[in-house]
PDB file of N, CA and C in Angstrom:
ATOM      1  N   MET A   1      81.058 135.430  73.351  1.00  0.00           N
ATOM      2  CA  MET A   1      80.681 134.030  73.477  1.00  0.00           C
ATOM      3  C   MET A   1      80.964 133.347  72.143  1.00  0.00           C
ATOM      4  N   ALA A   2      81.425 132.124  72.187  1.00  0.00           N
ATOM      5  CA  ALA A   2      81.781 131.389  70.980  1.00  0.00           C
ATOM      6  C   ALA A   2      80.562 131.180  70.079  1.00  0.00           C
ATOM      7  N   GLN A   3      80.803 131.118  68.797  1.00  0.00           N
ATOM      8  CA  GLN A   3      79.710 131.004  67.842  1.00  0.00           C
ATOM      9  C   GLN A   3      79.030 129.644  67.885  1.00  0.00           C
ATOM     10  N   HIS A   4      79.715 128.614  68.348  1.00  0.00           N
ATOM     11  CA  HIS A   4      79.136 127.275  68.315  1.00  0.00           C
ATOM     12  C   HIS A   4      78.193 126.995  69.484  1.00  0.00           C
ATOM     13  N   ILE A   5      77.989 127.950  70.365  1.00  0.00           N
ATOM     14  CA  ILE A   5      77.084 127.759  71.495  1.00  0.00           C
ATOM     15  C   ILE A   5      75.656 128.028  71.040  1.00  0.00           C
ATOM     16  N   SER A   6      74.763 127.126  71.383  1.00  0.00           N
ATOM     17  CA  SER A   6      73.372 127.272  70.954  1.00  0.00           C
ATOM     18  C   SER A   6      72.696 128.422  71.696  1.00  0.00           C
ATOM     19  N   ARG A   7      71.648 128.936  71.108  1.00  0.00           N
ATOM     20  CA  ARG A   7      70.879 130.011  71.745  1.00  0.00           C
ATOM     21  C   ARG A   7      70.284 129.534  73.062  1.00  0.00           C
ATOM     22  N   LEU A   8      69.830 128.280  73.088  1.00  0.00           N
ATOM     23  CA  LEU A   8      69.246 127.722  74.294  1.00  0.00           C
ATOM     24  C   LEU A   8      70.277 127.688  75.427  1.00  0.00           C
ATOM     25  N   SER A   9      71.468 127.188  75.125  1.00  0.00           N
ATOM     26  CA  SER A   9      72.526 127.136  76.141  1.00  0.00           C
ATOM     27  C   SER A   9      72.923 128.529  76.594  1.00  0.00           C
ATOM     28  N   ASN A  10      73.087 129.424  75.631  1.00  0.00           N
ATOM     29  CA  ASN A  10      73.486 130.789  75.952  1.00  0.00           C
ATOM     30  C   ASN A  10      72.428 131.473  76.809  1.00  0.00           C
ATOM     31  N   GLY A  11      71.150 131.263  76.477  1.00  0.00           N
ATOM     32  CA  GLY A  11      70.064 131.846  77.267  1.00  0.00           C
ATOM     33  C   GLY A  11      70.055 131.321  78.691  1.00  0.00           C
ATOM     34  N   TYR A  12      70.266 130.018  78.841  1.00  0.00           N
ATOM     35  CA  TYR A  12      70.303 129.396  80.168  1.00  0.00           C
ATOM     36  C   TYR A  12      71.445 129.982  81.004  1.00  0.00           C
ATOM     37  N   LEU A  13      72.632 130.054  80.397  1.00  0.00           N
ATOM     38  CA  LEU A  13      73.791 130.577  81.123  1.00  0.00           C
ATOM     39  C   LEU A  13      73.614 132.052  81.477  1.00  0.00           C
ATOM     40  N   THR A  14      73.051 132.819  80.568  1.00  0.00           N
ATOM     41  CA  THR A  14      72.810 134.236  80.834  1.00  0.00           C
ATOM     42  C   THR A  14      71.829 134.406  81.986  1.00  0.00           C
ATOM     43  N   LYS A  15      70.779 133.578  82.015  1.00  0.00           N
ATOM     44  CA  LYS A  15      69.803 133.637  83.116  1.00  0.00           C
ATOM     45  C   LYS A  15      70.467 133.294  84.440  1.00  0.00           C
ATOM     46  N   LYS A  16      71.291 132.247  84.454  1.00  0.00           N
ATOM     47  CA  LYS A  16      71.975 131.849  85.687  1.00  0.00           C
ATOM     48  C   LYS A  16      72.932 132.943  86.158  1.00  0.00           C
ATOM     49  N   GLU A  17      73.555 133.631  85.206  1.00  0.00           N
ATOM     50  CA  GLU A  17      74.447 134.727  85.571  1.00  0.00           C
ATOM     51  C   GLU A  17      73.647 135.878  86.178  1.00  0.00           C
ATOM     52  N   SER A  18      72.501 136.209  85.583  1.00  0.00           N
ATOM     53  CA  SER A  18      71.687 137.306  86.123  1.00  0.00           C
ATOM     54  C   SER A  18      71.092 136.947  87.481  1.00  0.00           C
ATOM     55  N   ASP A  19      70.898 135.645  87.745  1.00  0.00           N
ATOM     56  CA  ASP A  19      70.414 135.184  89.053  1.00  0.00           C
ATOM     57  C   ASP A  19      71.530 135.144  90.097  1.00  0.00           C
ATOM     58  N   GLY A  20      72.767 135.374  89.656  1.00  0.00           N
ATOM     59  CA  GLY A  20      73.902 135.347  90.578  1.00  0.00           C
ATOM     60  C   GLY A  20      74.418 133.953  90.878  1.00  0.00           C
ATOM     61  N   VAL A  21      74.000 132.967  90.083  1.00  0.00           N
ATOM     62  CA  VAL A  21      74.411 131.578  90.314  1.00  0.00           C
ATOM     63  C   VAL A  21      75.801 131.307  89.755  1.00  0.00           C
ATOM     64  N   LEU A  22      76.115 131.923  88.633  1.00  0.00           N
ATOM     65  CA  LEU A  22      77.423 131.704  88.022  1.00  0.00           C
ATOM     66  C   LEU A  22      77.894 132.957  87.321  1.00  0.00           C
ATOM     67  N   TYR A  23      79.149 132.933  86.920  1.00  0.00           N
ATOM     68  CA  TYR A  23      79.752 134.042  86.191  1.00  0.00           C
ATOM     69  C   TYR A  23      80.332 133.489  84.898  1.00  0.00           C
ATOM     70  N   GLN A  24      79.904 134.039  83.771  1.00  0.00           N
ATOM     71  CA  GLN A  24      80.428 133.596  82.478  1.00  0.00           C
ATOM     72  C   GLN A  24      81.741 134.309  82.190  1.00  0.00           C
ATOM     73  N   MET A  25      82.721 133.534  81.810  1.00  0.00           N
ATOM     74  CA  MET A  25      84.020 134.093  81.450  1.00  0.00           C
ATOM     75  C   MET A  25      84.222 133.948  79.952  1.00  0.00           C
ATOM     76  N   SER A  26      84.862 134.915  79.339  1.00  0.00           N
ATOM     77  CA  SER A  26      85.163 134.831  77.913  1.00  0.00           C
ATOM     78  C   SER A  26      86.452 134.048  77.735  1.00  0.00           C
ATOM     79  N   TRP A  27      86.394 133.005  76.942  1.00  0.00           N
ATOM     80  CA  TRP A  27      87.567 132.177  76.657  1.00  0.00           C
ATOM     81  C   TRP A  27      87.825 132.209  75.162  1.00  0.00           C
ATOM     82  N   PRO A  28      89.068 132.347  74.758  1.00  0.00           N
ATOM     83  CA  PRO A  28      89.355 132.295  73.324  1.00  0.00           C
ATOM     84  C   PRO A  28      89.091 130.889  72.792  1.00  0.00           C
ATOM     85  N   PRO A  29      88.511 130.760  71.604  1.00  0.00           N
ATOM     86  CA  PRO A  29      88.236 129.433  71.068  1.00  0.00           C
ATOM     87  C   PRO A  29      89.522 128.690  70.725  1.00  0.00           C
ATOM     88  N   GLN A  30      89.554 127.422  71.028  1.00  0.00           N
ATOM     89  CA  GLN A  30      90.650 126.525  70.674  1.00  0.00           C
ATOM     90  C   GLN A  30      91.993 126.980  71.216  1.00  0.00           C
ATOM     91  N   SER A  31      92.029 127.468  72.423  1.00  0.00           N
ATOM     92  CA  SER A  31      93.285 127.893  73.028  1.00  0.00           C
ATOM     93  C   SER A  31      93.933 126.712  73.747  1.00  0.00           C
ATOM     94  N   PRO A  32      95.129 126.275  73.316  1.00  0.00           N
ATOM     95  CA  PRO A  32      95.774 125.140  73.981  1.00  0.00           C
ATOM     96  C   PRO A  32      96.153 125.454  75.422  1.00  0.00           C
ATOM     97  N   ASP A  33      96.364 126.724  75.742  1.00  0.00           N
ATOM     98  CA  ASP A  33      96.723 127.096  77.106  1.00  0.00           C
ATOM     99  C   ASP A  33      95.584 126.835  78.082  1.00  0.00           C
ATOM    100  N   LEU A  34      94.364 126.796  77.585  1.00  0.00           N
ATOM    101  CA  LEU A  34      93.204 126.626  78.446  1.00  0.00           C
ATOM    102  C   LEU A  34      92.621 125.222  78.361  1.00  0.00           C
ATOM    103  N   ASN A  35      93.303 124.332  77.661  1.00  0.00           N
ATOM    104  CA  ASN A  35      92.830 122.971  77.499  1.00  0.00           C
ATOM    105  C   ASN A  35      93.559 122.085  78.507  1.00  0.00           C
ATOM    106  N   PRO A  36      92.883 121.589  79.528  1.00  0.00           N
ATOM    107  CA  PRO A  36      93.549 120.817  80.583  1.00  0.00           C
ATOM    108  C   PRO A  36      94.318 119.605  80.082  1.00  0.00           C
ATOM    109  N   ILE A  37      93.801 118.890  79.088  1.00  0.00           N
ATOM    110  CA  ILE A  37      94.506 117.697  78.620  1.00  0.00           C
ATOM    111  C   ILE A  37      95.826 118.074  77.960  1.00  0.00           C
ATOM    112  N   GLU A  38      95.875 119.225  77.298  1.00  0.00           N
ATOM    113  CA  GLU A  38      97.128 119.676  76.696  1.00  0.00           C
ATOM    114  C   GLU A  38      98.174 119.945  77.772  1.00  0.00           C
ATOM    115  N   MET A  39      97.737 120.490  78.890  1.00  0.00           N
ATOM    116  CA  MET A  39      98.666 120.757  79.989  1.00  0.00           C
ATOM    117  C   MET A  39      99.194 119.451  80.573  1.00  0.00           C
ATOM    118  N   VAL A  40      98.329 118.458  80.719  1.00  0.00           N
ATOM    119  CA  VAL A  40      98.739 117.155  81.254  1.00  0.00           C
ATOM    120  C   VAL A  40      99.715 116.478  80.302  1.00  0.00           C
ATOM    121  N   LEU A  41      99.383 116.482  79.011  1.00  0.00           N
ATOM    122  CA  LEU A  41     100.255 115.839  78.033  1.00  0.00           C
ATOM    123  C   LEU A  41     101.612 116.521  77.960  1.00  0.00           C
ATOM    124  N   ASP A  42     101.640 117.839  78.088  1.00  0.00           N
ATOM    125  CA  ASP A  42     102.909 118.565  78.085  1.00  0.00           C
ATOM    126  C   ASP A  42     103.761 118.182  79.290  1.00  0.00           C
ATOM    127  N   GLU A  43     103.135 118.048  80.443  1.00  0.00           N
ATOM    128  CA  GLU A  43     103.857 117.653  81.655  1.00  0.00           C
ATOM    129  C   GLU A  43     104.424 116.245  81.508  1.00  0.00           C
ATOM    130  N   LEU A  44     103.627 115.324  80.985  1.00  0.00           N
ATOM    131  CA  LEU A  44     104.107 113.960  80.757  1.00  0.00           C
ATOM    132  C   LEU A  44     105.270 113.956  79.775  1.00  0.00           C
ATOM    133  N   ASP A  45     105.154 114.730  78.709  1.00  0.00           N
ATOM    134  CA  ASP A  45     106.211 114.815  77.708  1.00  0.00           C
ATOM    135  C   ASP A  45     107.521 115.290  78.329  1.00  0.00           C
ATOM    136  N   CYS A  46     107.451 116.316  79.164  1.00  0.00           N
ATOM    137  CA  CYS A  46     108.653 116.844  79.816  1.00  0.00           C
ATOM    138  C   CYS A  46     109.292 115.807  80.731  1.00  0.00           C
ATOM    139  N   LYS A  47     108.469 115.107  81.511  1.00  0.00           N
ATOM    140  CA  LYS A  47     108.999 114.113  82.443  1.00  0.00           C
ATOM    141  C   LYS A  47     109.650 112.947  81.716  1.00  0.00           C
ATOM    142  N   VAL A  48     109.055 112.520  80.615  1.00  0.00           N
ATOM    143  CA  VAL A  48     109.622 111.402  79.856  1.00  0.00           C
ATOM    144  C   VAL A  48     110.918 111.830  79.178  1.00  0.00           C
ATOM    145  N   LYS A  49     110.936 113.016  78.592  1.00  0.00           N
ATOM    146  CA  LYS A  49     112.141 113.482  77.896  1.00  0.00           C
ATOM    147  C   LYS A  49     113.321 113.679  78.841  1.00  0.00           C
ATOM    148  N   GLU A  50     113.044 114.014  80.107  1.00  0.00           N
ATOM    149  CA  GLU A  50     114.119 114.168  81.094  1.00  0.00           C
ATOM    150  C   GLU A  50     114.915 112.881  81.255  1.00  0.00           C
ATOM    151  N   LYS A  51     114.234 111.742  81.139  1.00  0.00           N
ATOM    152  CA  LYS A  51     114.867 110.436  81.361  1.00  0.00           C
ATOM    153  C   LYS A  51     115.510 109.863  80.107  1.00  0.00           C
ATOM    154  N   GLN A  52     115.327 110.477  78.972  1.00  0.00           N
ATOM    155  CA  GLN A  52     115.881 110.042  77.693  1.00  0.00           C
ATOM    156  C   GLN A  52     115.655 108.545  77.444  1.00  0.00           C
ATOM    157  N   PRO A  53     114.414 108.151  77.237  1.00  0.00           N
ATOM    158  CA  PRO A  53     114.108 106.736  77.033  1.00  0.00           C
ATOM    159  C   PRO A  53     114.757 106.188  75.762  1.00  0.00           C
ATOM    160  N   THR A  54     115.090 104.903  75.810  1.00  0.00           N
ATOM    161  CA  THR A  54     115.780 104.266  74.686  1.00  0.00           C
ATOM    162  C   THR A  54     114.906 103.263  73.945  1.00  0.00           C
ATOM    163  N   SER A  55     113.714 102.994  74.447  1.00  0.00           N
ATOM    164  CA  SER A  55     112.827 102.036  73.782  1.00  0.00           C
ATOM    165  C   SER A  55     111.374 102.375  74.107  1.00  0.00           C
ATOM    166  N   ALA A  56     110.488 101.760  73.357  1.00  0.00           N
ATOM    167  CA  ALA A  56     109.061 101.958  73.612  1.00  0.00           C
ATOM    168  C   ALA A  56     108.692 101.426  74.995  1.00  0.00           C
ATOM    169  N   GLN A  57     109.298 100.316  75.383  1.00  0.00           N
ATOM    170  CA  GLN A  57     109.036  99.743  76.707  1.00  0.00           C
ATOM    171  C   GLN A  57     109.468 100.710  77.806  1.00  0.00           C
ATOM    172  N   HIS A  58     110.614 101.349  77.625  1.00  0.00           N
ATOM    173  CA  HIS A  58     111.108 102.312  78.611  1.00  0.00           C
ATOM    174  C   HIS A  58     110.157 103.512  78.708  1.00  0.00           C
ATOM    175  N   ILE A  59     109.664 103.977  77.567  1.00  0.00           N
ATOM    176  CA  ILE A  59     108.696 105.086  77.565  1.00  0.00           C
ATOM    177  C   ILE A  59     107.442 104.686  78.338  1.00  0.00           C
ATOM    178  N   TRP A  60     106.946 103.481  78.084  1.00  0.00           N
ATOM    179  CA  TRP A  60     105.743 102.994  78.760  1.00  0.00           C
ATOM    180  C   TRP A  60     105.955 102.952  80.271  1.00  0.00           C
ATOM    181  N   GLU A  61     107.104 102.457  80.704  1.00  0.00           N
ATOM    182  CA  GLU A  61     107.406 102.387  82.137  1.00  0.00           C
ATOM    183  C   GLU A  61     107.466 103.783  82.757  1.00  0.00           C
ATOM    184  N   LEU A  62     108.066 104.724  82.047  1.00  0.00           N
ATOM    185  CA  LEU A  62     108.143 106.097  82.556  1.00  0.00           C
ATOM    186  C   LEU A  62     106.755 106.720  82.678  1.00  0.00           C
ATOM    187  N   LEU A  63     105.903 106.476  81.692  1.00  0.00           N
ATOM    188  CA  LEU A  63     104.544 107.014  81.744  1.00  0.00           C
ATOM    189  C   LEU A  63     103.749 106.411  82.895  1.00  0.00           C
ATOM    190  N   GLN A  64     103.940 105.139  83.153  1.00  0.00           N
ATOM    191  CA  GLN A  64     103.233 104.493  84.258  1.00  0.00           C
ATOM    192  C   GLN A  64     103.704 105.038  85.604  1.00  0.00           C
ATOM    193  N   ASP A  65     104.964 105.440  85.692  1.00  0.00           N
ATOM    194  CA  ASP A  65     105.503 105.997  86.940  1.00  0.00           C
ATOM    195  C   ASP A  65     104.995 107.413  87.206  1.00  0.00           C
ATOM    196  N   CYS A  66     104.582 108.102  86.147  1.00  0.00           N
ATOM    197  CA  CYS A  66     104.078 109.472  86.326  1.00  0.00           C
ATOM    198  C   CYS A  66     102.757 109.400  87.029  1.00  0.00           C
TER     199      CYS A  66
END
């Protein structure tokens, strides 16, 4: 479990896991692969680069179309 999680939060989650309500998964801290916004931004970046925009206005239009 990550070091920045409080004892109170960790205790609550552990209790819920022992009650069968949830399952705690170990996640590496600060992993970009597990950050949903990073995945979205990467997808937007790929779609915009495919069109080879020539101006800021063109980039904005491409982003709005996504």
